[in-house]
Amino acid sequence: MKVKFFTTARERSPVEEFFQALPKETRLEIADAITLLENGQKLAMPLSRNLASIRPGLHELRFRDKSGQVRMIYFLKGNDAIYFIHAFRKKAQHLPLKEINLILKRLREI
């Protein structure tokens, strides 16, 4: 499957910018998980969690580094593409409504 990153109308990729700002160790872990997804492997807990309750096809990659929890939200679009649409540091137990709204907005744009 082909990996794509959400891009704004101004050709900015907030997910890639977030990724680049992470510590090298965390970036390497995320890159390994993305490679597994590209190769068609289905990931499960604790590495990936299904977010179908928000929208079918939506998932989150889950990582922890020295600064806390990192989440990368991705959407499986059929069998041909994986769209990384949002990334953030998770501070609450539940996914905040603000993050959910941004995810849904970006899904409408892809």
Protein backbone atom coordinates (compact mmCIF):
# COMPACT_ATOMS: atom_id res chain seq x y z
CA MET A 1 0.00 0.00 0.00
CA LYS A 2 1.11 3.52 -0.67
CA VAL A 3 1.63 5.86 2.30
CA LYS A 4 0.41 9.43 1.96
CA PHE A 5 0.51 12.32 4.42
CA PHE A 6 -2.27 14.86 4.79
CA THR A 7 -1.34 18.12 3.08
CA THR A 8 -3.03 21.47 3.65
CA ALA A 9 -4.22 23.73 0.85
CA ARG A 10 -0.93 25.61 1.28
CA GLU A 11 1.03 22.40 0.66
CA ARG A 12 2.08 22.04 4.31
CA SER A 13 2.18 18.61 5.94
CA PRO A 14 1.52 19.01 9.67
CA VAL A 15 1.92 15.25 10.26
CA GLU A 16 5.37 15.16 8.66
CA GLU A 17 6.37 18.32 10.56
CA PHE A 18 5.29 16.70 13.84
CA PHE A 19 7.16 13.51 12.92
CA GLN A 20 10.39 15.40 12.13
CA ALA A 21 10.27 17.17 15.50
CA LEU A 22 10.19 13.87 17.45
CA PRO A 23 13.31 12.34 19.01
CA LYS A 24 15.27 10.10 16.64
CA GLU A 25 14.43 6.91 18.59
CA THR A 26 10.71 7.59 18.33
CA ARG A 27 10.98 8.45 14.62
CA LEU A 28 12.72 5.11 13.99
CA GLU A 29 9.97 3.18 15.83
CA ILE A 30 7.28 4.98 13.84
CA ALA A 31 9.15 4.44 10.55
CA ASP A 32 9.30 0.69 11.32
CA ALA A 33 5.54 0.58 11.95
CA ILE A 34 4.84 2.52 8.75
CA THR A 35 6.98 0.05 6.79
CA LEU A 36 4.93 -2.83 8.20
CA LEU A 37 1.73 -1.08 7.12
CA GLU A 38 3.16 -0.40 3.64
CA ASN A 39 3.91 -4.10 3.30
CA GLY A 40 0.27 -4.93 4.01
CA GLN A 41 0.67 -6.13 7.58
CA LYS A 42 -2.28 -5.53 9.88
CA LEU A 43 -1.14 -4.04 13.17
CA ALA A 44 -2.90 -4.62 16.49
CA MET A 45 -2.70 -3.50 20.11
CA PRO A 46 -0.58 -2.27 21.74
CA LEU A 47 1.05 -0.76 18.62
CA SER A 48 -2.11 0.14 16.73
CA ARG A 49 -5.69 0.68 17.87
CA ASN A 50 -8.77 0.57 15.66
CA LEU A 51 -10.82 3.78 15.83
CA ALA A 52 -13.81 2.44 13.87
CA SER A 53 -16.11 3.92 16.53
CA ILE A 54 -15.13 7.32 15.10
CA ARG A 55 -15.03 6.21 11.46
CA PRO A 56 -14.48 2.81 9.79
CA GLY A 57 -10.94 2.48 8.45
CA LEU A 58 -9.49 4.87 11.05
CA HIS A 59 -6.61 3.71 13.29
CA GLU A 60 -3.96 5.15 15.58
CA LEU A 61 -0.31 4.22 15.95
CA ARG A 62 0.65 4.36 19.62
CA PHE A 63 4.11 5.22 20.93
CA ARG A 64 5.67 6.45 24.14
CA ASP A 65 8.85 8.48 24.49
CA LYS A 66 10.49 10.48 27.30
CA SER A 67 7.95 13.28 26.86
CA GLY A 68 4.86 11.06 26.98
CA GLN A 69 2.45 9.43 24.58
CA VAL A 70 2.57 10.02 20.83
CA ARG A 71 -0.33 9.24 18.51
CA MET A 72 -0.33 9.12 14.71
CA ILE A 73 -3.79 8.79 13.21
CA TYR A 74 -4.10 6.99 9.90
CA PHE A 75 -6.89 6.03 7.55
CA LEU A 76 -6.92 2.91 5.38
CA LYS A 77 -8.50 3.92 2.08
CA GLY A 78 -9.43 0.64 0.46
CA ASN A 79 -6.47 -1.58 -0.27
CA ASP A 80 -4.41 1.03 -2.08
CA ALA A 81 -3.49 3.85 0.33
CA ILE A 82 -2.70 4.67 3.95
CA TYR A 83 -3.32 8.32 4.79
CA PHE A 84 -1.62 9.74 7.86
CA ILE A 85 -3.98 12.57 8.73
CA HIS A 86 -3.04 13.72 12.22
CA ALA A 87 -0.33 13.39 14.87
CA PHE A 88 -0.19 14.74 18.40
CA ARG A 89 0.98 14.19 21.95
CA LYS A 90 -1.79 12.57 23.95
CA LYS A 91 -2.25 14.04 27.42
CA ALA A 92 -5.67 12.72 28.45
CA GLN A 93 -6.93 9.17 28.82
CA HIS A 94 -9.58 9.63 26.11
CA LEU A 95 -9.13 11.08 22.65
CA PRO A 96 -10.06 14.78 23.07
CA LEU A 97 -13.04 16.07 21.09
CA LYS A 98 -10.83 18.80 19.59
CA GLU A 99 -8.58 16.12 18.06
CA ILE A 100 -11.56 14.06 16.84
CA ASN A 101 -13.05 17.12 15.11
CA LEU A 102 -9.74 17.88 13.37
CA ILE A 103 -9.43 14.25 12.27
CA LEU A 104 -12.93 14.25 10.78
CA LYS A 105 -12.30 17.58 9.05
CA ARG A 106 -9.12 16.26 7.44
CA LEU A 107 -10.85 13.01 6.39
CA ARG A 108 -13.37 15.09 4.43
CA GLU A 109 -10.47 16.80 2.65
CA ILE A 110 -8.69 13.66 1.41
